[in-house]
Amino acid sequence: MYQAIRFHHEHDSLADKAFISDASRDLVAVALLAERTIQLITGLNHTCEWQKGEHWVMQSLGINAADIASIVKGIQTLHEEGNLNA
């Protein structure tokens, strides 16, 4: 986890499989996708991190832009139904 925290903004380092563990890379990819999903659903806090890491996230998780749109839509639906409340 410390690697994921330490390198979560360094997408070039994350692409180097010898540099950081698979588990850490997966944590960063999922976190970046979650952050982007929250930004799209709320319309708030748009940062440049997605533009820097989008290609890397798709490659790392084995997904494409259509998959991301589907994930966002599914989470948006859960949010609208009130199923994401704490």
PDB file of N, CA and C in Angstrom:
ATOM      1  N   MET A   1       0.824  -1.186   0.000  1.00  0.00           N
ATOM      2  CA  MET A   1       0.000   0.000   0.000  1.00  0.00           C
ATOM      3  C   MET A   1       0.872   1.255   0.000  1.00  0.00           C
ATOM      4  N   TYR A   2       2.002   1.190   0.723  1.00  0.00           N
ATOM      5  CA  TYR A   2       2.849   2.381   0.754  1.00  0.00           C
ATOM      6  C   TYR A   2       3.336   2.741  -0.649  1.00  0.00           C
ATOM      7  N   GLN A   3       3.597   1.751  -1.499  1.00  0.00           N
ATOM      8  CA  GLN A   3       4.028   2.042  -2.869  1.00  0.00           C
ATOM      9  C   GLN A   3       2.904   2.744  -3.632  1.00  0.00           C
ATOM     10  N   ALA A   4       1.682   2.296  -3.443  1.00  0.00           N
ATOM     11  CA  ALA A   4       0.547   2.911  -4.125  1.00  0.00           C
ATOM     12  C   ALA A   4       0.403   4.373  -3.716  1.00  0.00           C
ATOM     13  N   ILE A   5       0.553   4.640  -2.436  1.00  0.00           N
ATOM     14  CA  ILE A   5       0.459   6.021  -1.956  1.00  0.00           C
ATOM     15  C   ILE A   5       1.625   6.850  -2.480  1.00  0.00           C
ATOM     16  N   ARG A   6       2.809   6.302  -2.399  1.00  0.00           N
ATOM     17  CA  ARG A   6       4.017   7.029  -2.795  1.00  0.00           C
ATOM     18  C   ARG A   6       4.033   7.376  -4.285  1.00  0.00           C
ATOM     19  N   PHE A   7       3.580   6.470  -5.134  1.00  0.00           N
ATOM     20  CA  PHE A   7       3.737   6.651  -6.580  1.00  0.00           C
ATOM     21  C   PHE A   7       2.430   6.915  -7.324  1.00  0.00           C
ATOM     22  N   HIS A   8       1.363   7.267  -6.623  1.00  0.00           N
ATOM     23  CA  HIS A   8       0.071   7.383  -7.304  1.00  0.00           C
ATOM     24  C   HIS A   8      -0.015   8.539  -8.305  1.00  0.00           C
ATOM     25  N   HIS A   9       0.924   9.451  -8.302  1.00  0.00           N
ATOM     26  CA  HIS A   9       0.937  10.511  -9.307  1.00  0.00           C
ATOM     27  C   HIS A   9       2.019  10.300 -10.359  1.00  0.00           C
ATOM     28  N   GLU A  10       2.778   9.246 -10.253  1.00  0.00           N
ATOM     29  CA  GLU A  10       3.904   9.012 -11.156  1.00  0.00           C
ATOM     30  C   GLU A  10       3.576   7.871 -12.114  1.00  0.00           C
ATOM     31  N   HIS A  11       2.770   8.195 -13.119  1.00  0.00           N
ATOM     32  CA  HIS A  11       2.252   7.179 -14.033  1.00  0.00           C
ATOM     33  C   HIS A  11       3.348   6.505 -14.859  1.00  0.00           C
ATOM     34  N   ASP A  12       4.432   7.201 -15.151  1.00  0.00           N
ATOM     35  CA  ASP A  12       5.541   6.564 -15.866  1.00  0.00           C
ATOM     36  C   ASP A  12       6.158   5.460 -15.026  1.00  0.00           C
ATOM     37  N   SER A  13       6.316   5.696 -13.750  1.00  0.00           N
ATOM     38  CA  SER A  13       6.864   4.675 -12.851  1.00  0.00           C
ATOM     39  C   SER A  13       5.910   3.503 -12.714  1.00  0.00           C
ATOM     40  N   LEU A  14       4.624   3.791 -12.703  1.00  0.00           N
ATOM     41  CA  LEU A  14       3.633   2.731 -12.550  1.00  0.00           C
ATOM     42  C   LEU A  14       3.617   1.777 -13.735  1.00  0.00           C
ATOM     43  N   ALA A  15       3.972   2.272 -14.907  1.00  0.00           N
ATOM     44  CA  ALA A  15       3.993   1.426 -16.093  1.00  0.00           C
ATOM     45  C   ALA A  15       5.144   0.434 -16.074  1.00  0.00           C
ATOM     46  N   ASP A  16       6.150   0.688 -15.261  1.00  0.00           N
ATOM     47  CA  ASP A  16       7.327  -0.176 -15.163  1.00  0.00           C
ATOM     48  C   ASP A  16       7.046  -1.286 -14.152  1.00  0.00           C
ATOM     49  N   LYS A  17       6.744  -2.481 -14.653  1.00  0.00           N
ATOM     50  CA  LYS A  17       6.351  -3.587 -13.772  1.00  0.00           C
ATOM     51  C   LYS A  17       7.453  -4.013 -12.814  1.00  0.00           C
ATOM     52  N   ALA A  18       8.691  -3.728 -13.133  1.00  0.00           N
ATOM     53  CA  ALA A  18       9.792  -4.093 -12.235  1.00  0.00           C
ATOM     54  C   ALA A  18       9.925  -3.098 -11.096  1.00  0.00           C
ATOM     55  N   PHE A  19       9.302  -1.945 -11.237  1.00  0.00           N
ATOM     56  CA  PHE A  19       9.487  -0.848 -10.291  1.00  0.00           C
ATOM     57  C   PHE A  19       8.532  -0.917  -9.104  1.00  0.00           C
ATOM     58  N   ILE A  20       7.312  -1.400  -9.338  1.00  0.00           N
ATOM     59  CA  ILE A  20       6.270  -1.375  -8.316  1.00  0.00           C
ATOM     60  C   ILE A  20       5.456  -2.667  -8.421  1.00  0.00           C
ATOM     61  N   SER A  21       4.956  -3.145  -7.303  1.00  0.00           N
ATOM     62  CA  SER A  21       4.241  -4.423  -7.294  1.00  0.00           C
ATOM     63  C   SER A  21       2.915  -4.339  -8.054  1.00  0.00           C
ATOM     64  N   ASP A  22       2.457  -5.489  -8.525  1.00  0.00           N
ATOM     65  CA  ASP A  22       1.172  -5.553  -9.225  1.00  0.00           C
ATOM     66  C   ASP A  22       0.036  -5.073  -8.332  1.00  0.00           C
ATOM     67  N   ALA A  23       0.075  -5.470  -7.068  1.00  0.00           N
ATOM     68  CA  ALA A  23      -0.983  -5.071  -6.137  1.00  0.00           C
ATOM     69  C   ALA A  23      -1.025  -3.554  -5.964  1.00  0.00           C
ATOM     70  N   SER A  24       0.136  -2.933  -5.882  1.00  0.00           N
ATOM     71  CA  SER A  24       0.187  -1.474  -5.739  1.00  0.00           C
ATOM     72  C   SER A  24      -0.322  -0.788  -6.998  1.00  0.00           C
ATOM     73  N   ARG A  25       0.057  -1.303  -8.151  1.00  0.00           N
ATOM     74  CA  ARG A  25      -0.420  -0.740  -9.418  1.00  0.00           C
ATOM     75  C   ARG A  25      -1.938  -0.848  -9.514  1.00  0.00           C
ATOM     76  N   ASP A  26      -2.474  -1.993  -9.111  1.00  0.00           N
ATOM     77  CA  ASP A  26      -3.921  -2.182  -9.151  1.00  0.00           C
ATOM     78  C   ASP A  26      -4.638  -1.198  -8.227  1.00  0.00           C
ATOM     79  N   LEU A  27      -4.086  -0.972  -7.036  1.00  0.00           N
ATOM     80  CA  LEU A  27      -4.686  -0.008  -6.110  1.00  0.00           C
ATOM     81  C   LEU A  27      -4.736   1.389  -6.707  1.00  0.00           C
ATOM     82  N   VAL A  28      -3.637   1.791  -7.350  1.00  0.00           N
ATOM     83  CA  VAL A  28      -3.588   3.123  -7.952  1.00  0.00           C
ATOM     84  C   VAL A  28      -4.583   3.219  -9.102  1.00  0.00           C
ATOM     85  N   ALA A  29      -4.645   2.201  -9.935  1.00  0.00           N
ATOM     86  CA  ALA A  29      -5.556   2.224 -11.083  1.00  0.00           C
ATOM     87  C   ALA A  29      -7.012   2.313 -10.632  1.00  0.00           C
ATOM     88  N   VAL A  30      -7.388   1.514  -9.654  1.00  0.00           N
ATOM     89  CA  VAL A  30      -8.760   1.534  -9.154  1.00  0.00           C
ATOM     90  C   VAL A  30      -9.067   2.876  -8.480  1.00  0.00           C
ATOM     91  N   ALA A  31      -8.121   3.407  -7.736  1.00  0.00           N
ATOM     92  CA  ALA A  31      -8.330   4.697  -7.076  1.00  0.00           C
ATOM     93  C   ALA A  31      -8.504   5.820  -8.092  1.00  0.00           C
ATOM     94  N   LEU A  32      -7.708   5.801  -9.148  1.00  0.00           N
ATOM     95  CA  LEU A  32      -7.816   6.839 -10.172  1.00  0.00           C
ATOM     96  C   LEU A  32      -9.145   6.729 -10.912  1.00  0.00           C
ATOM     97  N   LEU A  33      -9.582   5.511 -11.198  1.00  0.00           N
ATOM     98  CA  LEU A  33     -10.880   5.310 -11.832  1.00  0.00           C
ATOM     99  C   LEU A  33     -12.007   5.752 -10.903  1.00  0.00           C
ATOM    100  N   ALA A  34     -11.900   5.456  -9.628  1.00  0.00           N
ATOM    101  CA  ALA A  34     -12.917   5.883  -8.667  1.00  0.00           C
ATOM    102  C   ALA A  34     -12.978   7.408  -8.572  1.00  0.00           C
ATOM    103  N   GLU A  35     -11.815   8.034  -8.544  1.00  0.00           N
ATOM    104  CA  GLU A  35     -11.769   9.493  -8.484  1.00  0.00           C
ATOM    105  C   GLU A  35     -12.441  10.106  -9.713  1.00  0.00           C
ATOM    106  N   ARG A  36     -12.154   9.556 -10.873  1.00  0.00           N
ATOM    107  CA  ARG A  36     -12.748  10.065 -12.113  1.00  0.00           C
ATOM    108  C   ARG A  36     -14.263   9.866 -12.104  1.00  0.00           C
ATOM    109  N   THR A  37     -14.707   8.726 -11.626  1.00  0.00           N
ATOM    110  CA  THR A  37     -16.141   8.447 -11.554  1.00  0.00           C
ATOM    111  C   THR A  37     -16.843   9.455 -10.655  1.00  0.00           C
ATOM    112  N   ILE A  38     -16.256   9.732  -9.509  1.00  0.00           N
ATOM    113  CA  ILE A  38     -16.828  10.719  -8.587  1.00  0.00           C
ATOM    114  C   ILE A  38     -16.887  12.089  -9.249  1.00  0.00           C
ATOM    115  N   GLN A  39     -15.831  12.456  -9.964  1.00  0.00           N
ATOM    116  CA  GLN A  39     -15.806  13.752 -10.652  1.00  0.00           C
ATOM    117  C   GLN A  39     -16.929  13.845 -11.678  1.00  0.00           C
ATOM    118  N   LEU A  40     -17.126  12.795 -12.441  1.00  0.00           N
ATOM    119  CA  LEU A  40     -18.169  12.816 -13.479  1.00  0.00           C
ATOM    120  C   LEU A  40     -19.562  12.850 -12.874  1.00  0.00           C
ATOM    121  N   ILE A  41     -19.781  12.106 -11.798  1.00  0.00           N
ATOM    122  CA  ILE A  41     -21.103  12.055 -11.178  1.00  0.00           C
ATOM    123  C   ILE A  41     -21.440  13.358 -10.465  1.00  0.00           C
ATOM    124  N   THR A  42     -20.479  13.925  -9.767  1.00  0.00           N
ATOM    125  CA  THR A  42     -20.753  15.136  -8.982  1.00  0.00           C
ATOM    126  C   THR A  42     -20.516  16.422  -9.758  1.00  0.00           C
ATOM    127  N   GLY A  43     -19.704  16.348 -10.812  1.00  0.00           N
ATOM    128  CA  GLY A  43     -19.349  17.551 -11.549  1.00  0.00           C
ATOM    129  C   GLY A  43     -18.367  18.430 -10.794  1.00  0.00           C
ATOM    130  N   LEU A  44     -17.756  17.884  -9.766  1.00  0.00           N
ATOM    131  CA  LEU A  44     -16.857  18.653  -8.918  1.00  0.00           C
ATOM    132  C   LEU A  44     -15.409  18.203  -9.056  1.00  0.00           C
ATOM    133  N   ASN A  45     -14.498  19.084  -8.683  1.00  0.00           N
ATOM    134  CA  ASN A  45     -13.084  18.777  -8.508  1.00  0.00           C
ATOM    135  C   ASN A  45     -12.437  18.080  -9.700  1.00  0.00           C
ATOM    136  N   HIS A  46     -12.553  18.656 -10.864  1.00  0.00           N
ATOM    137  CA  HIS A  46     -11.912  18.079 -12.047  1.00  0.00           C
ATOM    138  C   HIS A  46     -10.425  18.426 -12.025  1.00  0.00           C
ATOM    139  N   THR A  47      -9.608  17.396 -11.921  1.00  0.00           N
ATOM    140  CA  THR A  47      -8.160  17.578 -11.910  1.00  0.00           C
ATOM    141  C   THR A  47      -7.583  17.056 -13.216  1.00  0.00           C
ATOM    142  N   CYS A  48      -6.299  17.256 -13.400  1.00  0.00           N
ATOM    143  CA  CYS A  48      -5.633  16.789 -14.614  1.00  0.00           C
ATOM    144  C   CYS A  48      -5.134  15.353 -14.472  1.00  0.00           C
ATOM    145  N   GLU A  49      -5.353  14.726 -13.326  1.00  0.00           N
ATOM    146  CA  GLU A  49      -4.837  13.375 -13.102  1.00  0.00           C
ATOM    147  C   GLU A  49      -5.420  12.370 -14.089  1.00  0.00           C
ATOM    148  N   TRP A  50      -6.694  12.512 -14.423  1.00  0.00           N
ATOM    149  CA  TRP A  50      -7.292  11.556 -15.350  1.00  0.00           C
ATOM    150  C   TRP A  50      -6.651  11.664 -16.731  1.00  0.00           C
ATOM    151  N   GLN A  51      -6.427  12.861 -17.192  1.00  0.00           N
ATOM    152  CA  GLN A  51      -5.790  13.035 -18.496  1.00  0.00           C
ATOM    153  C   GLN A  51      -4.398  12.419 -18.505  1.00  0.00           C
ATOM    154  N   LYS A  52      -3.694  12.518 -17.403  1.00  0.00           N
ATOM    155  CA  LYS A  52      -2.342  11.952 -17.318  1.00  0.00           C
ATOM    156  C   LYS A  52      -2.374  10.431 -17.186  1.00  0.00           C
ATOM    157  N   GLY A  53      -3.392   9.887 -16.544  1.00  0.00           N
ATOM    158  CA  GLY A  53      -3.385   8.469 -16.235  1.00  0.00           C
ATOM    159  C   GLY A  53      -4.412   7.605 -16.940  1.00  0.00           C
ATOM    160  N   GLU A  54      -5.301   8.210 -17.730  1.00  0.00           N
ATOM    161  CA  GLU A  54      -6.384   7.448 -18.360  1.00  0.00           C
ATOM    162  C   GLU A  54      -5.870   6.249 -19.172  1.00  0.00           C
ATOM    163  N   HIS A  55      -4.920   6.485 -20.056  1.00  0.00           N
ATOM    164  CA  HIS A  55      -4.403   5.403 -20.893  1.00  0.00           C
ATOM    165  C   HIS A  55      -3.788   4.311 -20.024  1.00  0.00           C
ATOM    166  N   TRP A  56      -3.037   4.714 -19.045  1.00  0.00           N
ATOM    167  CA  TRP A  56      -2.402   3.758 -18.155  1.00  0.00           C
ATOM    168  C   TRP A  56      -3.437   2.927 -17.384  1.00  0.00           C
ATOM    169  N   VAL A  57      -4.506   3.571 -16.893  1.00  0.00           N
ATOM    170  CA  VAL A  57      -5.555   2.853 -16.164  1.00  0.00           C
ATOM    171  C   VAL A  57      -6.208   1.812 -17.061  1.00  0.00           C
ATOM    172  N   MET A  58      -6.551   2.210 -18.279  1.00  0.00           N
ATOM    173  CA  MET A  58      -7.194   1.269 -19.192  1.00  0.00           C
ATOM    174  C   MET A  58      -6.277   0.084 -19.485  1.00  0.00           C
ATOM    175  N   GLN A  59      -5.024   0.358 -19.718  1.00  0.00           N
ATOM    176  CA  GLN A  59      -4.056  -0.707 -19.993  1.00  0.00           C
ATOM    177  C   GLN A  59      -3.889  -1.598 -18.763  1.00  0.00           C
ATOM    178  N   SER A  60      -3.749  -1.007 -17.610  1.00  0.00           N
ATOM    179  CA  SER A  60      -3.507  -1.748 -16.377  1.00  0.00           C
ATOM    180  C   SER A  60      -4.685  -2.645 -16.006  1.00  0.00           C
ATOM    181  N   LEU A  61      -5.905  -2.122 -16.154  1.00  0.00           N
ATOM    182  CA  LEU A  61      -7.095  -2.883 -15.776  1.00  0.00           C
ATOM    183  C   LEU A  61      -7.670  -3.703 -16.925  1.00  0.00           C
ATOM    184  N   GLY A  62      -7.135  -3.521 -18.127  1.00  0.00           N
ATOM    185  CA  GLY A  62      -7.623  -4.275 -19.279  1.00  0.00           C
ATOM    186  C   GLY A  62      -9.017  -3.855 -19.701  1.00  0.00           C
ATOM    187  N   ILE A  63      -9.285  -2.552 -19.624  1.00  0.00           N
ATOM    188  CA  ILE A  63     -10.598  -2.028 -20.002  1.00  0.00           C
ATOM    189  C   ILE A  63     -10.423  -0.953 -21.070  1.00  0.00           C
ATOM    190  N   ASN A  64     -11.540  -0.541 -21.676  1.00  0.00           N
ATOM    191  CA  ASN A  64     -11.498   0.503 -22.692  1.00  0.00           C
ATOM    192  C   ASN A  64     -12.466   1.626 -22.310  1.00  0.00           C
ATOM    193  N   ALA A  65     -12.567   2.624 -23.165  1.00  0.00           N
ATOM    194  CA  ALA A  65     -13.411   3.789 -22.864  1.00  0.00           C
ATOM    195  C   ALA A  65     -14.872   3.389 -22.696  1.00  0.00           C
ATOM    196  N   ALA A  66     -15.352   2.427 -23.471  1.00  0.00           N
ATOM    197  CA  ALA A  66     -16.738   1.964 -23.334  1.00  0.00           C
ATOM    198  C   ALA A  66     -16.955   1.293 -21.978  1.00  0.00           C
ATOM    199  N   ASP A  67     -15.968   0.532 -21.522  1.00  0.00           N
ATOM    200  CA  ASP A  67     -16.065  -0.096 -20.198  1.00  0.00           C
ATOM    201  C   ASP A  67     -16.141   0.966 -19.109  1.00  0.00           C
ATOM    202  N   ILE A  68     -15.327   1.989 -19.249  1.00  0.00           N
ATOM    203  CA  ILE A  68     -15.329   3.070 -18.251  1.00  0.00           C
ATOM    204  C   ILE A  68     -16.686   3.762 -18.231  1.00  0.00           C
ATOM    205  N   ALA A  69     -17.234   4.039 -19.414  1.00  0.00           N
ATOM    206  CA  ALA A  69     -18.556   4.668 -19.486  1.00  0.00           C
ATOM    207  C   ALA A  69     -19.607   3.790 -18.813  1.00  0.00           C
ATOM    208  N   SER A  70     -19.518   2.486 -19.000  1.00  0.00           N
ATOM    209  CA  SER A  70     -20.457   1.556 -18.386  1.00  0.00           C
ATOM    210  C   SER A  70     -20.304   1.542 -16.856  1.00  0.00           C
ATOM    211  N   ILE A  71     -19.072   1.561 -16.391  1.00  0.00           N
ATOM    212  CA  ILE A  71     -18.816   1.601 -14.943  1.00  0.00           C
ATOM    213  C   ILE A  71     -19.406   2.873 -14.342  1.00  0.00           C
ATOM    214  N   VAL A  72     -19.134   4.005 -14.978  1.00  0.00           N
ATOM    215  CA  VAL A  72     -19.648   5.287 -14.485  1.00  0.00           C
ATOM    216  C   VAL A  72     -21.176   5.279 -14.483  1.00  0.00           C
ATOM    217  N   LYS A  73     -21.762   4.775 -15.555  1.00  0.00           N
ATOM    218  CA  LYS A  73     -23.228   4.733 -15.637  1.00  0.00           C
ATOM    219  C   LYS A  73     -23.808   3.860 -14.527  1.00  0.00           C
ATOM    220  N   GLY A  74     -23.193   2.704 -14.276  1.00  0.00           N
ATOM    221  CA  GLY A  74     -23.671   1.822 -13.219  1.00  0.00           C
ATOM    222  C   GLY A  74     -23.583   2.467 -11.850  1.00  0.00           C
ATOM    223  N   ILE A  75     -22.494   3.134 -11.587  1.00  0.00           N
ATOM    224  CA  ILE A  75     -22.333   3.805 -10.296  1.00  0.00           C
ATOM    225  C   ILE A  75     -23.279   4.993 -10.188  1.00  0.00           C
ATOM    226  N   GLN A  76     -23.478   5.700 -11.302  1.00  0.00           N
ATOM    227  CA  GLN A  76     -24.436   6.813 -11.317  1.00  0.00           C
ATOM    228  C   GLN A  76     -25.832   6.306 -10.972  1.00  0.00           C
ATOM    229  N   THR A  77     -26.218   5.180 -11.529  1.00  0.00           N
ATOM    230  CA  THR A  77     -27.528   4.591 -11.238  1.00  0.00           C
ATOM    231  C   THR A  77     -27.649   4.239  -9.762  1.00  0.00           C
ATOM    232  N   LEU A  78     -26.626   3.596  -9.213  1.00  0.00           N
ATOM    233  CA  LEU A  78     -26.637   3.272  -7.783  1.00  0.00           C
ATOM    234  C   LEU A  78     -26.763   4.531  -6.937  1.00  0.00           C
ATOM    235  N   HIS A  79     -26.051   5.578  -7.333  1.00  0.00           N
ATOM    236  CA  HIS A  79     -26.089   6.852  -6.614  1.00  0.00           C
ATOM    237  C   HIS A  79     -27.497   7.447  -6.660  1.00  0.00           C
ATOM    238  N   GLU A  80     -28.098   7.460  -7.841  1.00  0.00           N
ATOM    239  CA  GLU A  80     -29.432   8.045  -8.001  1.00  0.00           C
ATOM    240  C   GLU A  80     -30.493   7.259  -7.230  1.00  0.00           C
ATOM    241  N   GLU A  81     -30.292   5.964  -7.095  1.00  0.00           N
ATOM    242  CA  GLU A  81     -31.223   5.120  -6.348  1.00  0.00           C
ATOM    243  C   GLU A  81     -31.004   5.199  -4.844  1.00  0.00           C
ATOM    244  N   GLY A  82     -29.953   5.909  -4.433  1.00  0.00           N
ATOM    245  CA  GLY A  82     -29.650   6.048  -3.014  1.00  0.00           C
ATOM    246  C   GLY A  82     -28.912   4.858  -2.430  1.00  0.00           C
ATOM    247  N   ASN A  83     -28.335   4.042  -3.273  1.00  0.00           N
ATOM    248  CA  ASN A  83     -27.665   2.831  -2.808  1.00  0.00           C
ATOM    249  C   ASN A  83     -26.197   3.036  -2.491  1.00  0.00           C
ATOM    250  N   LEU A  84     -25.704   4.259  -2.552  1.00  0.00           N
ATOM    251  CA  LEU A  84     -24.316   4.540  -2.205  1.00  0.00           C
ATOM    252  C   LEU A  84     -24.200   5.342  -0.916  1.00  0.00           C
ATOM    253  N   ASN A  85     -25.295   5.554  -0.249  1.00  0.00           N
ATOM    254  CA  ASN A  85     -25.271   6.319   0.993  1.00  0.00           C
ATOM    255  C   ASN A  85     -24.647   5.502   2.104  1.00  0.00           C
ATOM    256  N   ALA A  86     -23.935   6.189   2.967  1.00  0.00           N
ATOM    257  CA  ALA A  86     -23.286   5.501   4.100  1.00  0.00           C
ATOM    258  C   ALA A  86     -24.277   5.164   5.168  1.00  0.00           C
TER     259      ALA A  86
END
